[in-house]
Amino acid sequence: MVAPTLSNEALLERVTMIMDEKIRPLIERDGGKISFHHIENGIVFVQLSGACSTCAAANITLKSGVERILRKEIRDVKSVRMYEEV
């Protein structure tokens, strides 16, 4: 049986809670910062700053860390991407 998908409000609440409790402390421990920007069709957009903005491993952190944690915790999250202002 497949669990029902979360409402947009519930998804937003879960993502921000997990980012605040599990992801942000890990990023900040290494001098980085992460900010949630928005969710679109199951894709979570974030901005990395601080030490992460110049780190060569930022994409690895994004995919192997942030995305892995969010997808494990919330089945409605399809991926995590960097938000880039146009």
N, C-alpha and C. Protein backbone atom coordinates (compact mmCIF):
# COMPACT_ATOMS: atom_id res chain seq x y z
N MET A 1 0.84 -1.18 0.00
CA MET A 1 0.00 0.00 0.00
C MET A 1 0.89 1.25 0.00
N VAL A 2 0.60 2.19 -0.88
CA VAL A 2 1.38 3.41 -1.00
C VAL A 2 0.77 4.49 -0.11
N ALA A 3 1.62 5.13 0.67
CA ALA A 3 1.15 6.20 1.55
C ALA A 3 0.70 7.40 0.72
N PRO A 4 -0.34 8.09 1.17
CA PRO A 4 -0.80 9.27 0.41
C PRO A 4 0.26 10.36 0.43
N THR A 5 0.24 11.19 -0.60
CA THR A 5 1.19 12.29 -0.65
C THR A 5 0.76 13.38 0.33
N LEU A 6 1.73 14.14 0.77
CA LEU A 6 1.46 15.22 1.72
C LEU A 6 0.88 16.43 1.01
N SER A 7 0.08 17.20 1.71
CA SER A 7 -0.40 18.46 1.16
C SER A 7 0.81 19.40 1.04
N ASN A 8 0.68 20.44 0.25
CA ASN A 8 1.78 21.39 0.10
C ASN A 8 2.20 21.98 1.44
N GLU A 9 1.21 22.30 2.26
CA GLU A 9 1.50 22.88 3.58
C GLU A 9 2.24 21.88 4.47
N ALA A 10 1.79 20.63 4.48
CA ALA A 10 2.43 19.60 5.30
C ALA A 10 3.84 19.31 4.80
N LEU A 11 4.02 19.29 3.48
CA LEU A 11 5.34 19.06 2.89
C LEU A 11 6.30 20.17 3.30
N LEU A 12 5.85 21.39 3.18
CA LEU A 12 6.67 22.55 3.57
C LEU A 12 7.05 22.46 5.04
N GLU A 13 6.10 22.11 5.88
CA GLU A 13 6.35 22.00 7.31
C GLU A 13 7.38 20.91 7.62
N ARG A 14 7.25 19.76 6.98
CA ARG A 14 8.19 18.65 7.21
C ARG A 14 9.59 19.00 6.72
N VAL A 15 9.68 19.61 5.54
CA VAL A 15 10.99 19.96 4.99
C VAL A 15 11.69 20.96 5.91
N THR A 16 10.99 22.00 6.32
CA THR A 16 11.64 23.00 7.17
C THR A 16 12.02 22.42 8.54
N MET A 17 11.19 21.52 9.07
CA MET A 17 11.51 20.89 10.35
C MET A 17 12.78 20.04 10.23
N ILE A 18 12.88 19.24 9.19
CA ILE A 18 14.05 18.37 9.02
C ILE A 18 15.30 19.20 8.74
N MET A 19 15.14 20.26 7.96
CA MET A 19 16.29 21.13 7.71
C MET A 19 16.77 21.77 9.01
N ASP A 20 15.83 22.25 9.83
CA ASP A 20 16.20 22.90 11.09
C ASP A 20 16.83 21.93 12.09
N GLU A 21 16.27 20.72 12.17
CA GLU A 21 16.71 19.77 13.19
C GLU A 21 17.89 18.90 12.79
N LYS A 22 17.97 18.51 11.53
CA LYS A 22 18.99 17.54 11.12
C LYS A 22 20.03 18.09 10.16
N ILE A 23 19.63 18.91 9.22
CA ILE A 23 20.55 19.32 8.16
C ILE A 23 21.34 20.56 8.53
N ARG A 24 20.67 21.61 8.97
CA ARG A 24 21.34 22.88 9.28
C ARG A 24 22.48 22.69 10.29
N PRO A 25 22.29 21.93 11.38
CA PRO A 25 23.41 21.76 12.33
C PRO A 25 24.64 21.10 11.68
N LEU A 26 24.44 20.18 10.77
CA LEU A 26 25.57 19.54 10.10
C LEU A 26 26.31 20.53 9.20
N ILE A 27 25.56 21.33 8.46
CA ILE A 27 26.16 22.31 7.56
C ILE A 27 26.90 23.38 8.36
N GLU A 28 26.29 23.85 9.43
CA GLU A 28 26.89 24.91 10.25
C GLU A 28 28.14 24.45 10.99
N ARG A 29 28.21 23.17 11.28
CA ARG A 29 29.39 22.63 11.97
C ARG A 29 30.66 22.85 11.15
N ASP A 30 30.50 22.90 9.82
CA ASP A 30 31.65 23.12 8.93
C ASP A 30 31.74 24.56 8.45
N GLY A 31 30.99 25.47 9.06
CA GLY A 31 31.07 26.88 8.71
C GLY A 31 30.17 27.30 7.56
N GLY A 32 29.30 26.41 7.12
CA GLY A 32 28.39 26.74 6.03
C GLY A 32 27.02 27.15 6.52
N LYS A 33 26.23 27.60 5.59
CA LYS A 33 24.85 27.96 5.89
C LYS A 33 23.97 27.42 4.78
N ILE A 34 22.76 27.02 5.14
CA ILE A 34 21.79 26.54 4.16
C ILE A 34 20.47 27.24 4.42
N SER A 35 19.85 27.70 3.34
CA SER A 35 18.56 28.37 3.44
C SER A 35 17.58 27.68 2.50
N PHE A 36 16.42 27.37 3.03
CA PHE A 36 15.35 26.84 2.20
C PHE A 36 14.80 27.97 1.35
N HIS A 37 14.55 27.72 0.07
CA HIS A 37 13.98 28.76 -0.78
C HIS A 37 12.54 28.43 -1.15
N HIS A 38 12.30 27.28 -1.80
CA HIS A 38 10.94 26.88 -2.13
C HIS A 38 10.91 25.42 -2.58
N ILE A 39 9.69 24.90 -2.72
CA ILE A 39 9.47 23.55 -3.23
C ILE A 39 8.62 23.67 -4.48
N GLU A 40 9.02 22.92 -5.51
CA GLU A 40 8.28 22.93 -6.77
C GLU A 40 8.23 21.51 -7.32
N ASN A 41 7.04 20.93 -7.39
CA ASN A 41 6.85 19.58 -7.92
C ASN A 41 7.75 18.54 -7.26
N GLY A 42 7.88 18.63 -5.95
CA GLY A 42 8.68 17.66 -5.20
C GLY A 42 10.17 17.95 -5.19
N ILE A 43 10.58 19.04 -5.83
CA ILE A 43 11.99 19.43 -5.86
C ILE A 43 12.18 20.56 -4.84
N VAL A 44 13.09 20.35 -3.91
CA VAL A 44 13.38 21.32 -2.88
C VAL A 44 14.54 22.19 -3.35
N PHE A 45 14.34 23.51 -3.36
CA PHE A 45 15.38 24.45 -3.77
C PHE A 45 15.95 25.11 -2.52
N VAL A 46 17.29 25.09 -2.43
CA VAL A 46 17.99 25.67 -1.29
C VAL A 46 19.13 26.57 -1.78
N GLN A 47 19.62 27.39 -0.89
CA GLN A 47 20.80 28.19 -1.16
C GLN A 47 21.85 27.84 -0.12
N LEU A 48 23.07 27.63 -0.58
CA LEU A 48 24.19 27.39 0.31
C LEU A 48 25.04 28.65 0.35
N SER A 49 25.52 29.00 1.53
CA SER A 49 26.36 30.18 1.68
C SER A 49 27.40 29.91 2.76
N GLY A 50 28.11 30.95 3.17
CA GLY A 50 29.18 30.76 4.14
C GLY A 50 30.28 29.94 3.51
N ALA A 51 30.86 29.04 4.27
CA ALA A 51 31.95 28.21 3.76
C ALA A 51 31.51 27.36 2.57
N CYS A 52 30.23 27.05 2.49
CA CYS A 52 29.71 26.23 1.38
C CYS A 52 29.78 26.95 0.03
N SER A 53 29.75 28.27 0.05
CA SER A 53 29.72 29.02 -1.21
C SER A 53 31.03 28.90 -1.98
N THR A 54 32.13 28.60 -1.29
CA THR A 54 33.42 28.47 -1.98
C THR A 54 33.97 27.05 -1.92
N CYS A 55 33.22 26.15 -1.37
CA CYS A 55 33.67 24.77 -1.20
C CYS A 55 33.48 23.96 -2.47
N ALA A 56 34.53 23.26 -2.87
CA ALA A 56 34.46 22.42 -4.07
C ALA A 56 33.53 21.23 -3.88
N ALA A 57 33.26 20.86 -2.65
CA ALA A 57 32.40 19.71 -2.36
C ALA A 57 30.95 20.10 -2.11
N ALA A 58 30.55 21.32 -2.43
CA ALA A 58 29.18 21.77 -2.15
C ALA A 58 28.14 20.90 -2.86
N ASN A 59 28.39 20.52 -4.10
CA ASN A 59 27.43 19.67 -4.81
C ASN A 59 27.33 18.28 -4.20
N ILE A 60 28.43 17.78 -3.68
CA ILE A 60 28.41 16.48 -3.00
C ILE A 60 27.60 16.60 -1.72
N THR A 61 27.81 17.68 -0.99
CA THR A 61 27.03 17.94 0.23
C THR A 61 25.55 18.00 -0.10
N LEU A 62 25.24 18.69 -1.19
CA LEU A 62 23.85 18.86 -1.58
C LEU A 62 23.20 17.52 -1.91
N LYS A 63 23.84 16.70 -2.73
CA LYS A 63 23.24 15.44 -3.19
C LYS A 63 23.41 14.31 -2.17
N SER A 64 24.61 14.12 -1.68
CA SER A 64 24.87 12.98 -0.78
C SER A 64 24.45 13.26 0.66
N GLY A 65 24.30 14.51 1.00
CA GLY A 65 23.89 14.85 2.35
C GLY A 65 22.46 15.33 2.42
N VAL A 66 22.22 16.53 1.95
CA VAL A 66 20.91 17.16 2.07
C VAL A 66 19.82 16.35 1.36
N GLU A 67 20.04 16.01 0.09
CA GLU A 67 19.03 15.27 -0.66
C GLU A 67 18.79 13.88 -0.06
N ARG A 68 19.86 13.21 0.31
CA ARG A 68 19.71 11.86 0.88
C ARG A 68 18.86 11.90 2.15
N ILE A 69 19.13 12.86 3.02
CA ILE A 69 18.37 12.96 4.28
C ILE A 69 16.90 13.29 4.00
N LEU A 70 16.65 14.28 3.16
CA LEU A 70 15.26 14.68 2.88
C LEU A 70 14.48 13.56 2.19
N ARG A 71 15.10 12.89 1.23
CA ARG A 71 14.38 11.81 0.53
C ARG A 71 14.13 10.62 1.45
N LYS A 72 15.04 10.37 2.37
CA LYS A 72 14.84 9.27 3.33
C LYS A 72 13.68 9.58 4.28
N GLU A 73 13.57 10.83 4.70
CA GLU A 73 12.56 11.25 5.67
C GLU A 73 11.19 11.54 5.04
N ILE A 74 11.19 12.01 3.79
CA ILE A 74 9.94 12.45 3.15
C ILE A 74 9.86 11.85 1.75
N ARG A 75 8.98 10.92 1.56
CA ARG A 75 8.93 10.25 0.27
C ARG A 75 8.46 11.16 -0.87
N ASP A 76 7.81 12.28 -0.55
CA ASP A 76 7.35 13.21 -1.58
C ASP A 76 8.48 14.08 -2.14
N VAL A 77 9.64 14.08 -1.51
CA VAL A 77 10.79 14.85 -2.03
C VAL A 77 11.46 14.02 -3.11
N LYS A 78 11.54 14.59 -4.31
CA LYS A 78 12.15 13.90 -5.45
C LYS A 78 13.63 14.21 -5.57
N SER A 79 14.00 15.46 -5.33
CA SER A 79 15.41 15.85 -5.39
C SER A 79 15.59 17.19 -4.70
N VAL A 80 16.86 17.57 -4.56
CA VAL A 80 17.22 18.87 -3.99
C VAL A 80 18.14 19.55 -4.97
N ARG A 81 17.88 20.82 -5.21
CA ARG A 81 18.69 21.60 -6.16
C ARG A 81 19.04 22.94 -5.55
N MET A 82 20.11 23.51 -6.09
CA MET A 82 20.51 24.85 -5.70
C MET A 82 19.56 25.85 -6.35
N TYR A 83 19.12 26.82 -5.59
CA TYR A 83 18.32 27.89 -6.15
C TYR A 83 19.29 28.92 -6.72
N GLU A 84 19.08 29.25 -7.95
CA GLU A 84 19.92 30.26 -8.61
C GLU A 84 19.05 31.39 -9.08
N GLU A 85 19.37 32.56 -8.60
CA GLU A 85 18.60 33.74 -9.03
C GLU A 85 18.89 34.02 -10.48
N VAL A 86 17.86 34.40 -11.20
CA VAL A 86 18.01 34.65 -12.65
C VAL A 86 18.35 36.09 -12.90
